[in-house]
Amino acid sequence: MQDDTRKHLMDILHAAEEIKEFTKDMDIHAYSESRVTQRAVERGFEIIGEALNRIKKIDETVLLSISEHQRIIGFRNILIHGYDIVDAKIVWDAIKNHLPLLQSEAQKILKQITLYTENV
């Protein structure tokens, strides 16, 4: 069970790093003009939301350490099912204002899991 959780946390961190790389040196205007970058970023957020959803099925208590995990999963659902109403400004806000916290929390949980498994 912890191996699956670890894998999903790694998926979250990998997708977050890719999102940061895709949007490096961009502002909201450049992001809004680049459909390729938008699609890549949206896919990254889809992966993050799905990974959180899978963790929820494995061990919901892990999610208590992820701020607004329900909103992140909901955001994933909007990106997939409401693809035609996605607002680039909302995605940009998620990149700049919410992604860093998610990364920090996922890293912290991953370290706790690693320490736990090393001591068992």
PDB file of N, CA and C in Angstrom:
ATOM      1  N   MET A   1       0.838  -1.203   0.000  1.00  0.00           N
ATOM      2  CA  MET A   1       0.000   0.000   0.000  1.00  0.00           C
ATOM      3  C   MET A   1       0.873   1.254   0.000  1.00  0.00           C
ATOM      4  N   GLN A   2       1.918   1.273   0.806  1.00  0.00           N
ATOM      5  CA  GLN A   2       2.779   2.443   0.847  1.00  0.00           C
ATOM      6  C   GLN A   2       3.557   2.622  -0.460  1.00  0.00           C
ATOM      7  N   ASP A   3       3.868   1.508  -1.130  1.00  0.00           N
ATOM      8  CA  ASP A   3       4.561   1.612  -2.416  1.00  0.00           C
ATOM      9  C   ASP A   3       3.690   2.317  -3.449  1.00  0.00           C
ATOM     10  N   ASP A   4       2.392   1.992  -3.482  1.00  0.00           N
ATOM     11  CA  ASP A   4       1.479   2.667  -4.409  1.00  0.00           C
ATOM     12  C   ASP A   4       1.357   4.143  -4.068  1.00  0.00           C
ATOM     13  N   THR A   5       1.235   4.444  -2.789  1.00  0.00           N
ATOM     14  CA  THR A   5       1.142   5.850  -2.370  1.00  0.00           C
ATOM     15  C   THR A   5       2.411   6.595  -2.764  1.00  0.00           C
ATOM     16  N   ARG A   6       3.552   5.992  -2.524  1.00  0.00           N
ATOM     17  CA  ARG A   6       4.828   6.609  -2.899  1.00  0.00           C
ATOM     18  C   ARG A   6       4.878   6.872  -4.402  1.00  0.00           C
ATOM     19  N   LYS A   7       4.462   5.897  -5.200  1.00  0.00           N
ATOM     20  CA  LYS A   7       4.470   6.058  -6.654  1.00  0.00           C
ATOM     21  C   LYS A   7       3.586   7.235  -7.076  1.00  0.00           C
ATOM     22  N   HIS A   8       2.398   7.329  -6.488  1.00  0.00           N
ATOM     23  CA  HIS A   8       1.482   8.409  -6.856  1.00  0.00           C
ATOM     24  C   HIS A   8       2.016   9.778  -6.415  1.00  0.00           C
ATOM     25  N   LEU A   9       2.664   9.823  -5.260  1.00  0.00           N
ATOM     26  CA  LEU A   9       3.292  11.071  -4.831  1.00  0.00           C
ATOM     27  C   LEU A   9       4.416  11.470  -5.780  1.00  0.00           C
ATOM     28  N   MET A  10       5.176  10.493  -6.236  1.00  0.00           N
ATOM     29  CA  MET A  10       6.237  10.775  -7.210  1.00  0.00           C
ATOM     30  C   MET A  10       5.629  11.277  -8.531  1.00  0.00           C
ATOM     31  N   ASP A  11       4.508  10.701  -8.935  1.00  0.00           N
ATOM     32  CA  ASP A  11       3.817  11.177 -10.143  1.00  0.00           C
ATOM     33  C   ASP A  11       3.400  12.634  -9.991  1.00  0.00           C
ATOM     34  N   ILE A  12       2.901  12.984  -8.804  1.00  0.00           N
ATOM     35  CA  ILE A  12       2.492  14.369  -8.532  1.00  0.00           C
ATOM     36  C   ILE A  12       3.696  15.294  -8.652  1.00  0.00           C
ATOM     37  N   LEU A  13       4.784  14.918  -8.009  1.00  0.00           N
ATOM     38  CA  LEU A  13       5.973  15.772  -8.034  1.00  0.00           C
ATOM     39  C   LEU A  13       6.563  15.886  -9.436  1.00  0.00           C
ATOM     40  N   HIS A  14       6.557  14.797 -10.180  1.00  0.00           N
ATOM     41  CA  HIS A  14       7.066  14.827 -11.555  1.00  0.00           C
ATOM     42  C   HIS A  14       6.201  15.744 -12.436  1.00  0.00           C
ATOM     43  N   ALA A  15       4.881  15.607 -12.332  1.00  0.00           N
ATOM     44  CA  ALA A  15       3.977  16.454 -13.130  1.00  0.00           C
ATOM     45  C   ALA A  15       4.128  17.919 -12.744  1.00  0.00           C
ATOM     46  N   ALA A  16       4.285  18.187 -11.449  1.00  0.00           N
ATOM     47  CA  ALA A  16       4.453  19.571 -10.999  1.00  0.00           C
ATOM     48  C   ALA A  16       5.741  20.175 -11.556  1.00  0.00           C
ATOM     49  N   GLU A  17       6.810  19.400 -11.541  1.00  0.00           N
ATOM     50  CA  GLU A  17       8.073  19.889 -12.099  1.00  0.00           C
ATOM     51  C   GLU A  17       7.941  20.165 -13.597  1.00  0.00           C
ATOM     52  N   GLU A  18       7.243  19.288 -14.294  1.00  0.00           N
ATOM     53  CA  GLU A  18       7.040  19.515 -15.730  1.00  0.00           C
ATOM     54  C   GLU A  18       6.240  20.791 -15.969  1.00  0.00           C
ATOM     55  N   ILE A  19       5.198  21.011 -15.187  1.00  0.00           N
ATOM     56  CA  ILE A  19       4.393  22.234 -15.329  1.00  0.00           C
ATOM     57  C   ILE A  19       5.279  23.457 -15.133  1.00  0.00           C
ATOM     58  N   LYS A  20       6.110  23.431 -14.102  1.00  0.00           N
ATOM     59  CA  LYS A  20       7.012  24.562 -13.868  1.00  0.00           C
ATOM     60  C   LYS A  20       7.968  24.761 -15.041  1.00  0.00           C
ATOM     61  N   GLU A  21       8.480  23.662 -15.582  1.00  0.00           N
ATOM     62  CA  GLU A  21       9.403  23.746 -16.718  1.00  0.00           C
ATOM     63  C   GLU A  21       8.687  24.284 -17.962  1.00  0.00           C
ATOM     64  N   PHE A  22       7.482  23.801 -18.216  1.00  0.00           N
ATOM     65  CA  PHE A  22       6.716  24.247 -19.389  1.00  0.00           C
ATOM     66  C   PHE A  22       6.435  25.744 -19.349  1.00  0.00           C
ATOM     67  N   THR A  23       6.259  26.292 -18.150  1.00  0.00           N
ATOM     68  CA  THR A  23       5.842  27.693 -18.017  1.00  0.00           C
ATOM     69  C   THR A  23       6.971  28.625 -17.581  1.00  0.00           C
ATOM     70  N   LYS A  24       8.179  28.061 -17.509  1.00  0.00           N
ATOM     71  CA  LYS A  24       9.343  28.870 -17.134  1.00  0.00           C
ATOM     72  C   LYS A  24       9.480  30.036 -18.118  1.00  0.00           C
ATOM     73  N   ASP A  25       9.759  31.186 -17.591  1.00  0.00           N
ATOM     74  CA  ASP A  25       9.972  32.401 -18.388  1.00  0.00           C
ATOM     75  C   ASP A  25       8.705  32.883 -19.093  1.00  0.00           C
ATOM     76  N   MET A  26       7.532  32.427 -18.672  1.00  0.00           N
ATOM     77  CA  MET A  26       6.272  32.884 -19.268  1.00  0.00           C
ATOM     78  C   MET A  26       5.543  33.792 -18.289  1.00  0.00           C
ATOM     79  N   ASP A  27       4.717  34.657 -18.856  1.00  0.00           N
ATOM     80  CA  ASP A  27       3.743  35.391 -18.052  1.00  0.00           C
ATOM     81  C   ASP A  27       2.360  34.939 -18.521  1.00  0.00           C
ATOM     82  N   ILE A  28       1.322  35.485 -17.918  1.00  0.00           N
ATOM     83  CA  ILE A  28      -0.036  35.060 -18.249  1.00  0.00           C
ATOM     84  C   ILE A  28      -0.345  35.289 -19.723  1.00  0.00           C
ATOM     85  N   HIS A  29       0.165  36.363 -20.292  1.00  0.00           N
ATOM     86  CA  HIS A  29      -0.111  36.647 -21.700  1.00  0.00           C
ATOM     87  C   HIS A  29       0.516  35.582 -22.604  1.00  0.00           C
ATOM     88  N   ALA A  30       1.786  35.272 -22.365  1.00  0.00           N
ATOM     89  CA  ALA A  30       2.460  34.254 -23.178  1.00  0.00           C
ATOM     90  C   ALA A  30       1.780  32.906 -23.001  1.00  0.00           C
ATOM     91  N   TYR A  31       1.391  32.589 -21.771  1.00  0.00           N
ATOM     92  CA  TYR A  31       0.704  31.327 -21.519  1.00  0.00           C
ATOM     93  C   TYR A  31      -0.620  31.280 -22.278  1.00  0.00           C
ATOM     94  N   SER A  32      -1.366  32.353 -22.231  1.00  0.00           N
ATOM     95  CA  SER A  32      -2.669  32.422 -22.908  1.00  0.00           C
ATOM     96  C   SER A  32      -2.549  32.285 -24.416  1.00  0.00           C
ATOM     97  N   GLU A  33      -1.422  32.684 -24.948  1.00  0.00           N
ATOM     98  CA  GLU A  33      -1.196  32.626 -26.392  1.00  0.00           C
ATOM     99  C   GLU A  33      -0.659  31.278 -26.870  1.00  0.00           C
ATOM    100  N   SER A  34      -0.208  30.445 -25.947  1.00  0.00           N
ATOM    101  CA  SER A  34       0.418  29.182 -26.332  1.00  0.00           C
ATOM    102  C   SER A  34      -0.511  28.007 -26.044  1.00  0.00           C
ATOM    103  N   ARG A  35      -1.222  27.570 -27.063  1.00  0.00           N
ATOM    104  CA  ARG A  35      -2.134  26.435 -26.885  1.00  0.00           C
ATOM    105  C   ARG A  35      -1.376  25.157 -26.565  1.00  0.00           C
ATOM    106  N   VAL A  36      -0.200  25.014 -27.106  1.00  0.00           N
ATOM    107  CA  VAL A  36       0.602  23.818 -26.829  1.00  0.00           C
ATOM    108  C   VAL A  36       0.964  23.767 -25.342  1.00  0.00           C
ATOM    109  N   THR A  37       1.430  24.886 -24.803  1.00  0.00           N
ATOM    110  CA  THR A  37       1.774  24.926 -23.380  1.00  0.00           C
ATOM    111  C   THR A  37       0.538  24.709 -22.521  1.00  0.00           C
ATOM    112  N   GLN A  38      -0.574  25.310 -22.904  1.00  0.00           N
ATOM    113  CA  GLN A  38      -1.807  25.119 -22.140  1.00  0.00           C
ATOM    114  C   GLN A  38      -2.185  23.644 -22.069  1.00  0.00           C
ATOM    115  N   ARG A  39      -2.110  22.968 -23.195  1.00  0.00           N
ATOM    116  CA  ARG A  39      -2.473  21.550 -23.224  1.00  0.00           C
ATOM    117  C   ARG A  39      -1.514  20.718 -22.371  1.00  0.00           C
ATOM    118  N   ALA A  40      -0.238  21.025 -22.434  1.00  0.00           N
ATOM    119  CA  ALA A  40       0.753  20.299 -21.636  1.00  0.00           C
ATOM    120  C   ALA A  40       0.522  20.524 -20.144  1.00  0.00           C
ATOM    121  N   VAL A  41       0.254  21.756 -19.763  1.00  0.00           N
ATOM    122  CA  VAL A  41       0.004  22.085 -18.365  1.00  0.00           C
ATOM    123  C   VAL A  41      -1.283  21.423 -17.879  1.00  0.00           C
ATOM    124  N   GLU A  42      -2.317  21.491 -18.697  1.00  0.00           N
ATOM    125  CA  GLU A  42      -3.584  20.862 -18.318  1.00  0.00           C
ATOM    126  C   GLU A  42      -3.400  19.366 -18.112  1.00  0.00           C
ATOM    127  N   ARG A  43      -2.616  18.727 -18.973  1.00  0.00           N
ATOM    128  CA  ARG A  43      -2.345  17.297 -18.806  1.00  0.00           C
ATOM    129  C   ARG A  43      -1.611  17.039 -17.494  1.00  0.00           C
ATOM    130  N   GLY A  44      -0.681  17.902 -17.151  1.00  0.00           N
ATOM    131  CA  GLY A  44       0.029  17.769 -15.879  1.00  0.00           C
ATOM    132  C   GLY A  44      -0.917  17.846 -14.695  1.00  0.00           C
ATOM    133  N   PHE A  45      -1.851  18.790 -14.736  1.00  0.00           N
ATOM    134  CA  PHE A  45      -2.834  18.899 -13.659  1.00  0.00           C
ATOM    135  C   PHE A  45      -3.795  17.709 -13.642  1.00  0.00           C
ATOM    136  N   GLU A  46      -4.086  17.163 -14.798  1.00  0.00           N
ATOM    137  CA  GLU A  46      -4.926  15.953 -14.848  1.00  0.00           C
ATOM    138  C   GLU A  46      -4.224  14.803 -14.124  1.00  0.00           C
ATOM    139  N   ILE A  47      -2.932  14.653 -14.378  1.00  0.00           N
ATOM    140  CA  ILE A  47      -2.149  13.604 -13.728  1.00  0.00           C
ATOM    141  C   ILE A  47      -2.127  13.822 -12.216  1.00  0.00           C
ATOM    142  N   ILE A  48      -1.908  15.041 -11.796  1.00  0.00           N
ATOM    143  CA  ILE A  48      -1.884  15.357 -10.365  1.00  0.00           C
ATOM    144  C   ILE A  48      -3.214  15.000  -9.713  1.00  0.00           C
ATOM    145  N   GLY A  49      -4.309  15.421 -10.331  1.00  0.00           N
ATOM    146  CA  GLY A  49      -5.631  15.131  -9.773  1.00  0.00           C
ATOM    147  C   GLY A  49      -5.932  13.648  -9.737  1.00  0.00           C
ATOM    148  N   GLU A  50      -5.547  12.934 -10.771  1.00  0.00           N
ATOM    149  CA  GLU A  50      -5.786  11.489 -10.809  1.00  0.00           C
ATOM    150  C   GLU A  50      -4.929  10.773  -9.770  1.00  0.00           C
ATOM    151  N   ALA A  51      -3.703  11.204  -9.596  1.00  0.00           N
ATOM    152  CA  ALA A  51      -2.837  10.595  -8.587  1.00  0.00           C
ATOM    153  C   ALA A  51      -3.424  10.797  -7.191  1.00  0.00           C
ATOM    154  N   LEU A  52      -3.932  11.989  -6.916  1.00  0.00           N
ATOM    155  CA  LEU A  52      -4.577  12.233  -5.628  1.00  0.00           C
ATOM    156  C   LEU A  52      -5.819  11.373  -5.461  1.00  0.00           C
ATOM    157  N   ASN A  53      -6.577  11.220  -6.519  1.00  0.00           N
ATOM    158  CA  ASN A  53      -7.774  10.381  -6.477  1.00  0.00           C
ATOM    159  C   ASN A  53      -7.408   8.926  -6.177  1.00  0.00           C
ATOM    160  N   ARG A  54      -6.322   8.465  -6.741  1.00  0.00           N
ATOM    161  CA  ARG A  54      -5.879   7.089  -6.483  1.00  0.00           C
ATOM    162  C   ARG A  54      -5.372   6.934  -5.051  1.00  0.00           C
ATOM    163  N   ILE A  55      -4.665   7.941  -4.545  1.00  0.00           N
ATOM    164  CA  ILE A  55      -4.229   7.900  -3.144  1.00  0.00           C
ATOM    165  C   ILE A  55      -5.442   7.844  -2.229  1.00  0.00           C
ATOM    166  N   LYS A  56      -6.461   8.602  -2.574  1.00  0.00           N
ATOM    167  CA  LYS A  56      -7.700   8.619  -1.776  1.00  0.00           C
ATOM    168  C   LYS A  56      -8.281   7.208  -1.643  1.00  0.00           C
ATOM    169  N   LYS A  57      -8.204   6.431  -2.699  1.00  0.00           N
ATOM    170  CA  LYS A  57      -8.744   5.065  -2.684  1.00  0.00           C
ATOM    171  C   LYS A  57      -7.860   4.111  -1.879  1.00  0.00           C
ATOM    172  N   ILE A  58      -6.580   4.420  -1.795  1.00  0.00           N
ATOM    173  CA  ILE A  58      -5.632   3.566  -1.082  1.00  0.00           C
ATOM    174  C   ILE A  58      -5.627   3.887   0.410  1.00  0.00           C
ATOM    175  N   ASP A  59      -5.447   5.175   0.728  1.00  0.00           N
ATOM    176  CA  ASP A  59      -5.299   5.607   2.114  1.00  0.00           C
ATOM    177  C   ASP A  59      -5.728   7.070   2.225  1.00  0.00           C
ATOM    178  N   GLU A  60      -6.995   7.248   2.505  1.00  0.00           N
ATOM    179  CA  GLU A  60      -7.554   8.600   2.539  1.00  0.00           C
ATOM    180  C   GLU A  60      -6.905   9.492   3.596  1.00  0.00           C
ATOM    181  N   THR A  61      -6.322   8.890   4.623  1.00  0.00           N
ATOM    182  CA  THR A  61      -5.689   9.703   5.666  1.00  0.00           C
ATOM    183  C   THR A  61      -4.476  10.468   5.143  1.00  0.00           C
ATOM    184  N   VAL A  62      -3.832   9.947   4.112  1.00  0.00           N
ATOM    185  CA  VAL A  62      -2.688  10.654   3.513  1.00  0.00           C
ATOM    186  C   VAL A  62      -3.144  12.004   2.965  1.00  0.00           C
ATOM    187  N   LEU A  63      -4.343  12.041   2.431  1.00  0.00           N
ATOM    188  CA  LEU A  63      -4.841  13.277   1.824  1.00  0.00           C
ATOM    189  C   LEU A  63      -5.070  14.391   2.839  1.00  0.00           C
ATOM    190  N   LEU A  64      -5.176  14.055   4.112  1.00  0.00           N
ATOM    191  CA  LEU A  64      -5.373  15.082   5.137  1.00  0.00           C
ATOM    192  C   LEU A  64      -4.189  16.041   5.191  1.00  0.00           C
ATOM    193  N   SER A  65      -3.058  15.616   4.680  1.00  0.00           N
ATOM    194  CA  SER A  65      -1.864  16.460   4.645  1.00  0.00           C
ATOM    195  C   SER A  65      -1.737  17.268   3.356  1.00  0.00           C
ATOM    196  N   ILE A  66      -2.688  17.129   2.460  1.00  0.00           N
ATOM    197  CA  ILE A  66      -2.696  17.876   1.190  1.00  0.00           C
ATOM    198  C   ILE A  66      -3.799  18.922   1.257  1.00  0.00           C
ATOM    199  N   SER A  67      -3.393  20.185   1.291  1.00  0.00           N
ATOM    200  CA  SER A  67      -4.365  21.279   1.328  1.00  0.00           C
ATOM    201  C   SER A  67      -5.262  21.235   0.101  1.00  0.00           C
ATOM    202  N   GLU A  68      -6.529  21.355   0.325  1.00  0.00           N
ATOM    203  CA  GLU A  68      -7.521  21.461  -0.748  1.00  0.00           C
ATOM    204  C   GLU A  68      -7.454  20.311  -1.753  1.00  0.00           C
ATOM    205  N   HIS A  69      -7.184  19.111  -1.265  1.00  0.00           N
ATOM    206  CA  HIS A  69      -7.107  17.962  -2.172  1.00  0.00           C
ATOM    207  C   HIS A  69      -8.419  17.752  -2.929  1.00  0.00           C
ATOM    208  N   GLN A  70      -9.533  18.054  -2.295  1.00  0.00           N
ATOM    209  CA  GLN A  70     -10.825  17.895  -2.977  1.00  0.00           C
ATOM    210  C   GLN A  70     -10.944  18.863  -4.150  1.00  0.00           C
ATOM    211  N   ARG A  71     -10.472  20.087  -3.956  1.00  0.00           N
ATOM    212  CA  ARG A  71     -10.510  21.072  -5.049  1.00  0.00           C
ATOM    213  C   ARG A  71      -9.581  20.670  -6.190  1.00  0.00           C
ATOM    214  N   ILE A  72      -8.435  20.080  -5.854  1.00  0.00           N
ATOM    215  CA  ILE A  72      -7.481  19.654  -6.883  1.00  0.00           C
ATOM    216  C   ILE A  72      -8.094  18.529  -7.716  1.00  0.00           C
ATOM    217  N   ILE A  73      -8.722  17.571  -7.042  1.00  0.00           N
ATOM    218  CA  ILE A  73      -9.384  16.478  -7.761  1.00  0.00           C
ATOM    219  C   ILE A  73     -10.527  17.036  -8.603  1.00  0.00           C
ATOM    220  N   GLY A  74     -11.272  17.984  -8.059  1.00  0.00           N
ATOM    221  CA  GLY A  74     -12.347  18.629  -8.816  1.00  0.00           C
ATOM    222  C   GLY A  74     -11.819  19.385 -10.030  1.00  0.00           C
ATOM    223  N   PHE A  75     -10.661  20.029  -9.867  1.00  0.00           N
ATOM    224  CA  PHE A  75     -10.025  20.746 -10.969  1.00  0.00           C
ATOM    225  C   PHE A  75      -9.668  19.775 -12.084  1.00  0.00           C
ATOM    226  N   ARG A  76      -9.163  18.608 -11.719  1.00  0.00           N
ATOM    227  CA  ARG A  76      -8.866  17.567 -12.698  1.00  0.00           C
ATOM    228  C   ARG A  76     -10.112  17.175 -13.464  1.00  0.00           C
ATOM    229  N   ASN A  77     -11.215  17.031 -12.759  1.00  0.00           N
ATOM    230  CA  ASN A  77     -12.475  16.663 -13.410  1.00  0.00           C
ATOM    231  C   ASN A  77     -12.943  17.733 -14.389  1.00  0.00           C
ATOM    232  N   ILE A  78     -12.776  18.986 -14.014  1.00  0.00           N
ATOM    233  CA  ILE A  78     -13.149  20.081 -14.917  1.00  0.00           C
ATOM    234  C   ILE A  78     -12.270  20.065 -16.164  1.00  0.00           C
ATOM    235  N   LEU A  79     -10.973  19.856 -15.977  1.00  0.00           N
ATOM    236  CA  LEU A  79     -10.059  19.835 -17.121  1.00  0.00           C
ATOM    237  C   LEU A  79     -10.419  18.726 -18.101  1.00  0.00           C
ATOM    238  N   ILE A  80     -10.828  17.583 -17.574  1.00  0.00           N
ATOM    239  CA  ILE A  80     -11.152  16.456 -18.441  1.00  0.00           C
ATOM    240  C   ILE A  80     -12.549  16.579 -19.037  1.00  0.00           C
ATOM    241  N   HIS A  81     -13.514  16.835 -18.191  1.00  0.00           N
ATOM    242  CA  HIS A  81     -14.911  16.811 -18.643  1.00  0.00           C
ATOM    243  C   HIS A  81     -15.426  18.173 -19.130  1.00  0.00           C
ATOM    244  N   GLY A  82     -14.796  19.233 -18.653  1.00  0.00           N
ATOM    245  CA  GLY A  82     -15.224  20.565 -19.064  1.00  0.00           C
ATOM    246  C   GLY A  82     -14.168  21.254 -19.895  1.00  0.00           C
ATOM    247  N   TYR A  83     -13.498  20.465 -20.709  1.00  0.00           N
ATOM    248  CA  TYR A  83     -12.367  20.957 -21.503  1.00  0.00           C
ATOM    249  C   TYR A  83     -12.696  22.223 -22.291  1.00  0.00           C
ATOM    250  N   ASP A  84     -13.967  22.387 -22.647  1.00  0.00           N
ATOM    251  CA  ASP A  84     -14.358  23.531 -23.476  1.00  0.00           C
ATOM    252  C   ASP A  84     -14.606  24.803 -22.678  1.00  0.00           C
ATOM    253  N   ILE A  85     -14.532  24.719 -21.345  1.00  0.00           N
ATOM    254  CA  ILE A  85     -14.768  25.907 -20.520  1.00  0.00           C
ATOM    255  C   ILE A  85     -13.563  26.260 -19.645  1.00  0.00           C
ATOM    256  N   VAL A  86     -12.409  25.660 -19.931  1.00  0.00           N
ATOM    257  CA  VAL A  86     -11.215  25.921 -19.134  1.00  0.00           C
ATOM    258  C   VAL A  86     -10.751  27.352 -19.373  1.00  0.00           C
ATOM    259  N   ASP A  87     -10.513  28.064 -18.277  1.00  0.00           N
ATOM    260  CA  ASP A  87     -10.072  29.450 -18.327  1.00  0.00           C
ATOM    261  C   ASP A  87      -8.568  29.502 -18.047  1.00  0.00           C
ATOM    262  N   ALA A  88      -7.806  30.007 -18.994  1.00  0.00           N
ATOM    263  CA  ALA A  88      -6.344  30.059 -18.855  1.00  0.00           C
ATOM    264  C   ALA A  88      -5.931  30.839 -17.608  1.00  0.00           C
ATOM    265  N   LYS A  89      -6.690  31.843 -17.215  1.00  0.00           N
ATOM    266  CA  LYS A  89      -6.339  32.631 -16.026  1.00  0.00           C
ATOM    267  C   LYS A  89      -6.452  31.792 -14.754  1.00  0.00           C
ATOM    268  N   ILE A  90      -7.429  30.918 -14.698  1.00  0.00           N
ATOM    269  CA  ILE A  90      -7.592  30.052 -13.524  1.00  0.00           C
ATOM    270  C   ILE A  90      -6.451  29.045 -13.463  1.00  0.00           C
ATOM    271  N   VAL A  91      -6.088  28.486 -14.605  1.00  0.00           N
ATOM    272  CA  VAL A  91      -4.974  27.536 -14.648  1.00  0.00           C
ATOM    273  C   VAL A  91      -3.685  28.251 -14.254  1.00  0.00           C
ATOM    274  N   TRP A  92      -3.485  29.459 -14.763  1.00  0.00           N
ATOM    275  CA  TRP A  92      -2.287  30.223 -14.436  1.00  0.00           C
ATOM    276  C   TRP A  92      -2.226  30.508 -12.934  1.00  0.00           C
ATOM    277  N   ASP A  93      -3.356  30.837 -12.351  1.00  0.00           N
ATOM    278  CA  ASP A  93      -3.423  31.068 -10.905  1.00  0.00           C
ATOM    279  C   ASP A  93      -3.029  29.801 -10.142  1.00  0.00           C
ATOM    280  N   ALA A  94      -3.484  28.660 -10.613  1.00  0.00           N
ATOM    281  CA  ALA A  94      -3.129  27.386  -9.964  1.00  0.00           C
ATOM    282  C   ALA A  94      -1.623  27.140 -10.057  1.00  0.00           C
ATOM    283  N   ILE A  95      -1.032  27.473 -11.192  1.00  0.00           N
ATOM    284  CA  ILE A  95       0.412  27.293 -11.377  1.00  0.00           C
ATOM    285  C   ILE A  95       1.186  28.163 -10.387  1.00  0.00           C
ATOM    286  N   LYS A  96       0.842  29.409 -10.336  1.00  0.00           N
ATOM    287  CA  LYS A  96       1.611  30.380  -9.554  1.00  0.00           C
ATOM    288  C   LYS A  96       1.300  30.357  -8.062  1.00  0.00           C
ATOM    289  N   ASN A  97       0.045  30.099  -7.689  1.00  0.00           N
ATOM    290  CA  ASN A  97      -0.360  30.261  -6.300  1.00  0.00           C
ATOM    291  C   ASN A  97      -0.643  28.975  -5.534  1.00  0.00           C
ATOM    292  N   HIS A  98      -0.848  27.878  -6.220  1.00  0.00           N
ATOM    293  CA  HIS A  98      -1.219  26.648  -5.524  1.00  0.00           C
ATOM    294  C   HIS A  98      -0.231  25.499  -5.734  1.00  0.00           C
ATOM    295  N   LEU A  99       0.398  25.440  -6.879  1.00  0.00           N
ATOM    296  CA  LEU A  99       1.318  24.357  -7.184  1.00  0.00           C
ATOM    297  C   LEU A  99       2.508  24.284  -6.220  1.00  0.00           C
ATOM    298  N   PRO A 100       3.125  25.409  -5.848  1.00  0.00           N
ATOM    299  CA  PRO A 100       4.265  25.318  -4.915  1.00  0.00           C
ATOM    300  C   PRO A 100       3.894  24.671  -3.572  1.00  0.00           C
ATOM    301  N   LEU A 101       2.731  25.000  -3.036  1.00  0.00           N
ATOM    302  CA  LEU A 101       2.298  24.404  -1.775  1.00  0.00           C
ATOM    303  C   LEU A 101       2.061  22.906  -1.939  1.00  0.00           C
ATOM    304  N   LEU A 102       1.421  22.519  -3.030  1.00  0.00           N
ATOM    305  CA  LEU A 102       1.189  21.108  -3.285  1.00  0.00           C
ATOM    306  C   LEU A 102       2.517  20.347  -3.350  1.00  0.00           C
ATOM    307  N   GLN A 103       3.484  20.900  -4.045  1.00  0.00           N
ATOM    308  CA  GLN A 103       4.796  20.255  -4.140  1.00  0.00           C
ATOM    309  C   GLN A 103       5.418  20.080  -2.757  1.00  0.00           C
ATOM    310  N   SER A 104       5.366  21.119  -1.971  1.00  0.00           N
ATOM    311  CA  SER A 104       5.934  21.068  -0.628  1.00  0.00           C
ATOM    312  C   SER A 104       5.255  20.007   0.226  1.00  0.00           C
ATOM    313  N   GLU A 105       3.948  19.947   0.175  1.00  0.00           N
ATOM    314  CA  GLU A 105       3.207  18.969   0.966  1.00  0.00           C
ATOM    315  C   GLU A 105       3.472  17.544   0.486  1.00  0.00           C
ATOM    316  N   ALA A 106       3.515  17.340  -0.812  1.00  0.00           N
ATOM    317  CA  ALA A 106       3.783  16.003  -1.357  1.00  0.00           C
ATOM    318  C   ALA A 106       5.190  15.542  -0.984  1.00  0.00           C
ATOM    319  N   GLN A 107       6.153  16.449  -1.042  1.00  0.00           N
ATOM    320  CA  GLN A 107       7.526  16.098  -0.662  1.00  0.00           C
ATOM    321  C   GLN A 107       7.594  15.702   0.813  1.00  0.00           C
ATOM    322  N   LYS A 108       6.896  16.442   1.650  1.00  0.00           N
ATOM    323  CA  LYS A 108       6.882  16.158   3.083  1.00  0.00           C
ATOM    324  C   LYS A 108       6.287  14.772   3.361  1.00  0.00           C
ATOM    325  N   ILE A 109       5.172  14.453   2.729  1.00  0.00           N
ATOM    326  CA  ILE A 109       4.534  13.148   2.913  1.00  0.00           C
ATOM    327  C   ILE A 109       5.454  12.042   2.414  1.00  0.00           C
ATOM    328  N   LEU A 110       6.064  12.263   1.273  1.00  0.00           N
ATOM    329  CA  LEU A 110       6.979  11.262   0.701  1.00  0.00           C
ATOM    330  C   LEU A 110       8.137  10.984   1.660  1.00  0.00           C
ATOM    331  N   LYS A 111       8.688  12.019   2.267  1.00  0.00           N
ATOM    332  CA  LYS A 111       9.767  11.842   3.236  1.00  0.00           C
ATOM    333  C   LYS A 111       9.278  11.049   4.446  1.00  0.00           C
ATOM    334  N   GLN A 112       8.070  11.354   4.925  1.00  0.00           N
ATOM    335  CA  GLN A 112       7.519  10.630   6.074  1.00  0.00           C
ATOM    336  C   GLN A 112       7.329   9.152   5.749  1.00  0.00           C
ATOM    337  N   ILE A 113       6.817   8.861   4.569  1.00  0.00           N
ATOM    338  CA  ILE A 113       6.617   7.468   4.158  1.00  0.00           C
ATOM    339  C   ILE A 113       7.962   6.747   4.064  1.00  0.00           C
ATOM    340  N   THR A 114       8.946   7.426   3.490  1.00  0.00           N
ATOM    341  CA  THR A 114      10.274   6.828   3.340  1.00  0.00           C
ATOM    342  C   THR A 114      10.892   6.546   4.705  1.00  0.00           C
ATOM    343  N   LEU A 115      10.794   7.498   5.625  1.00  0.00           N
ATOM    344  CA  LEU A 115      11.333   7.289   6.974  1.00  0.00           C
ATOM    345  C   LEU A 115      10.620   6.151   7.677  1.00  0.00           C
ATOM    346  N   TYR A 116       9.315   6.071   7.503  1.00  0.00           N
ATOM    347  CA  TYR A 116       8.537   5.010   8.140  1.00  0.00           C
ATOM    348  C   TYR A 116       8.955   3.636   7.624  1.00  0.00           C
ATOM    349  N   THR A 117       9.073   3.520   6.307  1.00  0.00           N
ATOM    350  CA  THR A 117       9.421   2.213   5.736  1.00  0.00           C
ATOM    351  C   THR A 117      10.852   1.806   6.058  1.00  0.00           C
ATOM    352  N   GLU A 118      11.740   2.785   6.231  1.00  0.00           N
ATOM    353  CA  GLU A 118      13.119   2.474   6.609  1.00  0.00           C
ATOM    354  C   GLU A 118      13.209   1.973   8.041  1.00  0.00           C
ATOM    355  N   ASN A 119      12.282   2.418   8.889  1.00  0.00           N
ATOM    356  CA  ASN A 119      12.308   2.051  10.301  1.00  0.00           C
ATOM    357  C   ASN A 119      11.466   0.826  10.623  1.00  0.00           C
ATOM    358  N   VAL A 120      10.777   0.298   9.623  1.00  0.00           N
ATOM    359  CA  VAL A 120       9.943  -0.886   9.878  1.00  0.00           C
ATOM    360  C   VAL A 120      10.682  -2.149   9.596  1.00  0.00           C
TER     361      VAL A 120
END
